[in-house]
Amino acid sequence: MAPESAPPDYQQELVARPETLAIMRRIVSAHLDLWELRELSDAATLCAHELLTNVMRHTGSPRCTITLRRRPDGVRVTVSDSDTAPPERRDPV
């Protein structure tokens, strides 16, 4: 009998839009449940929501990739956008 391995990382290409954010929050929450990291669900879904909102507001293209990576100490949420322009430093409003 082979040892059971941890579920793989999750990665999704998407177009960041308001209607996509709710779907992605549910997907992030479901993966954390699957990985038995339910206690991190609120923080991770908020992080994913904020990162995807930043793509919508601050890049020239809403196309992006979200990655959830299970780590020994929790989970890492990353979002990479497809905008080729370098980031601009802005003062907060």
N, C-alpha and C. Protein backbone atom coordinates (compact mmCIF):
# COMPACT_ATOMS: atom_id res chain seq x y z
N MET A 1 0.83 -1.17 0.00
CA MET A 1 0.00 0.00 0.00
C MET A 1 0.88 1.24 0.00
N ALA A 2 0.69 2.12 -0.98
CA ALA A 2 1.50 3.33 -1.11
C ALA A 2 1.06 4.37 -0.08
N PRO A 3 2.05 5.13 0.47
CA PRO A 3 1.67 6.18 1.42
C PRO A 3 0.85 7.27 0.74
N GLU A 4 -0.10 7.79 1.48
CA GLU A 4 -0.96 8.85 0.95
C GLU A 4 -0.17 10.15 0.92
N SER A 5 -0.14 10.80 -0.23
CA SER A 5 0.61 12.06 -0.32
C SER A 5 -0.33 13.23 -0.16
N ALA A 6 0.25 14.37 0.20
CA ALA A 6 -0.54 15.60 0.36
C ALA A 6 -1.07 16.04 -1.00
N PRO A 7 -2.24 16.65 -1.01
CA PRO A 7 -2.77 17.15 -2.28
C PRO A 7 -1.79 18.15 -2.90
N PRO A 8 -1.72 18.22 -4.21
CA PRO A 8 -0.77 19.13 -4.86
C PRO A 8 -1.20 20.58 -4.69
N ASP A 9 -0.27 21.46 -5.03
CA ASP A 9 -0.58 22.89 -5.04
C ASP A 9 -1.74 23.13 -6.00
N TYR A 10 -2.39 24.26 -5.82
CA TYR A 10 -3.48 24.66 -6.71
C TYR A 10 -3.05 25.88 -7.48
N GLN A 11 -3.28 25.87 -8.79
CA GLN A 11 -2.96 27.02 -9.63
C GLN A 11 -4.09 27.20 -10.64
N GLN A 12 -4.50 28.46 -10.82
CA GLN A 12 -5.60 28.76 -11.72
C GLN A 12 -5.31 30.05 -12.48
N GLU A 13 -5.39 29.98 -13.79
CA GLU A 13 -5.34 31.19 -14.61
C GLU A 13 -6.75 31.73 -14.69
N LEU A 14 -6.89 33.05 -14.59
CA LEU A 14 -8.23 33.64 -14.61
C LEU A 14 -8.16 35.09 -15.06
N VAL A 15 -9.33 35.65 -15.28
CA VAL A 15 -9.49 37.07 -15.55
C VAL A 15 -10.11 37.66 -14.29
N ALA A 16 -9.37 38.56 -13.65
CA ALA A 16 -9.85 39.15 -12.39
C ALA A 16 -10.99 40.13 -12.69
N ARG A 17 -12.16 39.76 -12.25
CA ARG A 17 -13.37 40.58 -12.38
C ARG A 17 -14.14 40.46 -11.07
N PRO A 18 -15.04 41.40 -10.78
CA PRO A 18 -15.79 41.30 -9.52
C PRO A 18 -16.50 39.95 -9.35
N GLU A 19 -17.09 39.43 -10.41
CA GLU A 19 -17.81 38.15 -10.28
C GLU A 19 -16.85 36.98 -10.08
N THR A 20 -15.60 37.12 -10.44
CA THR A 20 -14.61 36.07 -10.25
C THR A 20 -14.16 35.99 -8.80
N LEU A 21 -14.18 37.12 -8.10
CA LEU A 21 -13.65 37.16 -6.74
C LEU A 21 -14.40 36.22 -5.79
N ALA A 22 -15.72 36.20 -5.86
CA ALA A 22 -16.49 35.33 -4.98
C ALA A 22 -16.21 33.85 -5.28
N ILE A 23 -16.07 33.53 -6.54
CA ILE A 23 -15.76 32.15 -6.92
C ILE A 23 -14.39 31.75 -6.38
N MET A 24 -13.41 32.64 -6.51
CA MET A 24 -12.07 32.32 -6.04
C MET A 24 -12.02 32.21 -4.51
N ARG A 25 -12.80 33.02 -3.80
CA ARG A 25 -12.85 32.88 -2.34
C ARG A 25 -13.34 31.49 -1.95
N ARG A 26 -14.36 31.00 -2.64
CA ARG A 26 -14.89 29.65 -2.35
C ARG A 26 -13.84 28.58 -2.70
N ILE A 27 -13.13 28.76 -3.79
CA ILE A 27 -12.10 27.78 -4.18
C ILE A 27 -10.97 27.76 -3.16
N VAL A 28 -10.51 28.94 -2.73
CA VAL A 28 -9.44 29.00 -1.72
C VAL A 28 -9.90 28.32 -0.44
N SER A 29 -11.10 28.63 0.01
CA SER A 29 -11.64 28.03 1.23
C SER A 29 -11.74 26.51 1.10
N ALA A 30 -12.19 26.03 -0.04
CA ALA A 30 -12.32 24.58 -0.26
C ALA A 30 -10.97 23.88 -0.21
N HIS A 31 -9.94 24.50 -0.79
CA HIS A 31 -8.62 23.89 -0.75
C HIS A 31 -8.05 23.86 0.67
N LEU A 32 -8.29 24.91 1.42
CA LEU A 32 -7.80 24.89 2.80
C LEU A 32 -8.53 23.84 3.62
N ASP A 33 -9.81 23.63 3.37
CA ASP A 33 -10.54 22.54 4.02
C ASP A 33 -9.93 21.20 3.64
N LEU A 34 -9.66 21.01 2.36
CA LEU A 34 -9.06 19.77 1.87
C LEU A 34 -7.71 19.51 2.52
N TRP A 35 -6.93 20.58 2.69
CA TRP A 35 -5.59 20.46 3.29
C TRP A 35 -5.64 20.47 4.82
N GLU A 36 -6.85 20.47 5.39
CA GLU A 36 -7.04 20.51 6.84
C GLU A 36 -6.37 21.74 7.46
N LEU A 37 -6.53 22.89 6.79
CA LEU A 37 -6.01 24.18 7.26
C LEU A 37 -7.17 25.16 7.42
N ARG A 38 -8.29 24.67 7.85
CA ARG A 38 -9.51 25.47 7.96
C ARG A 38 -9.30 26.74 8.80
N GLU A 39 -8.42 26.67 9.80
CA GLU A 39 -8.19 27.82 10.67
C GLU A 39 -7.55 28.99 9.93
N LEU A 40 -6.98 28.74 8.76
CA LEU A 40 -6.37 29.80 7.96
C LEU A 40 -7.29 30.32 6.86
N SER A 41 -8.47 29.77 6.78
CA SER A 41 -9.38 30.07 5.68
C SER A 41 -9.72 31.55 5.56
N ASP A 42 -10.12 32.19 6.67
CA ASP A 42 -10.50 33.60 6.60
C ASP A 42 -9.34 34.48 6.12
N ALA A 43 -8.16 34.26 6.70
CA ALA A 43 -7.00 35.07 6.33
C ALA A 43 -6.59 34.83 4.88
N ALA A 44 -6.59 33.57 4.45
CA ALA A 44 -6.16 33.25 3.08
C ALA A 44 -7.16 33.74 2.05
N THR A 45 -8.46 33.63 2.33
CA THR A 45 -9.44 34.12 1.35
C THR A 45 -9.39 35.64 1.26
N LEU A 46 -9.18 36.32 2.38
CA LEU A 46 -9.03 37.77 2.35
C LEU A 46 -7.80 38.17 1.55
N CYS A 47 -6.70 37.47 1.77
CA CYS A 47 -5.46 37.75 1.03
C CYS A 47 -5.68 37.56 -0.47
N ALA A 48 -6.29 36.45 -0.86
CA ALA A 48 -6.55 36.20 -2.28
C ALA A 48 -7.44 37.28 -2.87
N HIS A 49 -8.48 37.67 -2.15
CA HIS A 49 -9.40 38.70 -2.60
C HIS A 49 -8.65 40.03 -2.82
N GLU A 50 -7.82 40.41 -1.86
CA GLU A 50 -7.08 41.67 -1.98
C GLU A 50 -6.09 41.64 -3.14
N LEU A 51 -5.39 40.55 -3.31
CA LEU A 51 -4.42 40.45 -4.40
C LEU A 51 -5.11 40.50 -5.76
N LEU A 52 -6.24 39.82 -5.89
CA LEU A 52 -6.97 39.85 -7.16
C LEU A 52 -7.58 41.22 -7.41
N THR A 53 -8.02 41.89 -6.35
CA THR A 53 -8.54 43.25 -6.50
C THR A 53 -7.43 44.18 -6.98
N ASN A 54 -6.23 44.01 -6.48
CA ASN A 54 -5.10 44.82 -6.93
C ASN A 54 -4.83 44.63 -8.42
N VAL A 55 -4.97 43.40 -8.89
CA VAL A 55 -4.81 43.16 -10.33
C VAL A 55 -5.84 43.97 -11.11
N MET A 56 -7.09 43.95 -10.66
CA MET A 56 -8.15 44.68 -11.36
C MET A 56 -7.87 46.19 -11.36
N ARG A 57 -7.42 46.71 -10.24
CA ARG A 57 -7.29 48.16 -10.09
C ARG A 57 -5.99 48.74 -10.61
N HIS A 58 -4.91 47.97 -10.55
CA HIS A 58 -3.60 48.57 -10.74
C HIS A 58 -2.77 48.00 -11.88
N THR A 59 -3.36 47.16 -12.71
CA THR A 59 -2.59 46.65 -13.85
C THR A 59 -3.33 46.96 -15.14
N GLY A 60 -2.63 46.81 -16.24
CA GLY A 60 -3.24 47.08 -17.53
C GLY A 60 -4.00 45.90 -18.11
N SER A 61 -3.94 44.76 -17.43
CA SER A 61 -4.62 43.56 -17.91
C SER A 61 -5.18 42.79 -16.72
N PRO A 62 -6.44 42.35 -16.79
CA PRO A 62 -7.00 41.57 -15.69
C PRO A 62 -6.60 40.10 -15.70
N ARG A 63 -5.84 39.67 -16.69
CA ARG A 63 -5.42 38.26 -16.75
C ARG A 63 -4.34 38.02 -15.70
N CYS A 64 -4.52 36.94 -14.93
CA CYS A 64 -3.57 36.65 -13.87
C CYS A 64 -3.60 35.17 -13.53
N THR A 65 -2.73 34.78 -12.63
CA THR A 65 -2.67 33.41 -12.14
C THR A 65 -2.60 33.45 -10.62
N ILE A 66 -3.47 32.69 -9.98
CA ILE A 66 -3.42 32.55 -8.53
C ILE A 66 -2.84 31.18 -8.21
N THR A 67 -1.97 31.14 -7.20
CA THR A 67 -1.36 29.89 -6.77
C THR A 67 -1.52 29.76 -5.27
N LEU A 68 -1.97 28.60 -4.84
CA LEU A 68 -2.01 28.24 -3.42
C LEU A 68 -0.97 27.17 -3.22
N ARG A 69 -0.07 27.39 -2.31
CA ARG A 69 1.00 26.42 -2.06
C ARG A 69 0.96 26.02 -0.59
N ARG A 70 0.71 24.77 -0.37
CA ARG A 70 0.71 24.25 1.00
C ARG A 70 2.14 24.20 1.50
N ARG A 71 2.35 24.71 2.71
CA ARG A 71 3.68 24.75 3.31
C ARG A 71 3.61 24.11 4.70
N PRO A 72 4.74 23.70 5.24
CA PRO A 72 4.72 23.08 6.57
C PRO A 72 4.13 24.01 7.64
N ASP A 73 4.30 25.31 7.46
CA ASP A 73 3.83 26.26 8.47
C ASP A 73 2.52 26.94 8.06
N GLY A 74 1.86 26.49 7.00
CA GLY A 74 0.59 27.10 6.58
C GLY A 74 0.38 27.01 5.08
N VAL A 75 0.05 28.15 4.51
CA VAL A 75 -0.23 28.20 3.08
C VAL A 75 0.31 29.52 2.53
N ARG A 76 0.78 29.49 1.30
CA ARG A 76 1.23 30.71 0.62
C ARG A 76 0.26 30.98 -0.52
N VAL A 77 -0.24 32.20 -0.58
CA VAL A 77 -1.13 32.64 -1.64
C VAL A 77 -0.36 33.66 -2.49
N THR A 78 -0.23 33.39 -3.78
CA THR A 78 0.43 34.34 -4.67
C THR A 78 -0.46 34.59 -5.88
N VAL A 79 -0.36 35.80 -6.39
CA VAL A 79 -1.05 36.17 -7.63
C VAL A 79 -0.03 36.86 -8.51
N SER A 80 0.10 36.38 -9.72
CA SER A 80 0.98 37.04 -10.69
C SER A 80 0.12 37.54 -11.84
N ASP A 81 0.37 38.79 -12.21
CA ASP A 81 -0.43 39.37 -13.29
C ASP A 81 0.33 39.28 -14.60
N SER A 82 -0.34 39.61 -15.68
CA SER A 82 0.26 39.50 -17.01
C SER A 82 0.70 40.85 -17.56
N ASP A 83 0.59 41.89 -16.76
CA ASP A 83 1.00 43.22 -17.20
C ASP A 83 2.51 43.26 -17.35
N THR A 84 3.00 43.70 -18.50
CA THR A 84 4.45 43.73 -18.74
C THR A 84 5.09 45.05 -18.30
N ALA A 85 4.28 46.05 -17.97
CA ALA A 85 4.83 47.33 -17.51
C ALA A 85 5.35 47.17 -16.09
N PRO A 86 6.48 47.82 -15.78
CA PRO A 86 6.99 47.72 -14.41
C PRO A 86 6.06 48.45 -13.44
N PRO A 87 6.03 48.03 -12.19
CA PRO A 87 5.17 48.69 -11.22
C PRO A 87 5.59 50.15 -11.00
N GLU A 88 4.60 50.97 -10.70
CA GLU A 88 4.87 52.38 -10.40
C GLU A 88 4.62 52.61 -8.92
N ARG A 89 5.55 53.33 -8.30
CA ARG A 89 5.35 53.68 -6.89
C ARG A 89 4.32 54.80 -6.82
N ARG A 90 3.33 54.63 -5.94
CA ARG A 90 2.28 55.63 -5.76
C ARG A 90 2.13 55.95 -4.29
N ASP A 91 1.73 57.15 -4.00
CA ASP A 91 1.40 57.52 -2.62
C ASP A 91 -0.01 57.06 -2.35
N PRO A 92 -0.24 56.54 -1.13
CA PRO A 92 -1.60 56.11 -0.80
C PRO A 92 -2.56 57.29 -0.78
N VAL A 93 -3.79 57.02 -1.15
CA VAL A 93 -4.79 58.08 -1.19
C VAL A 93 -5.41 58.26 0.18
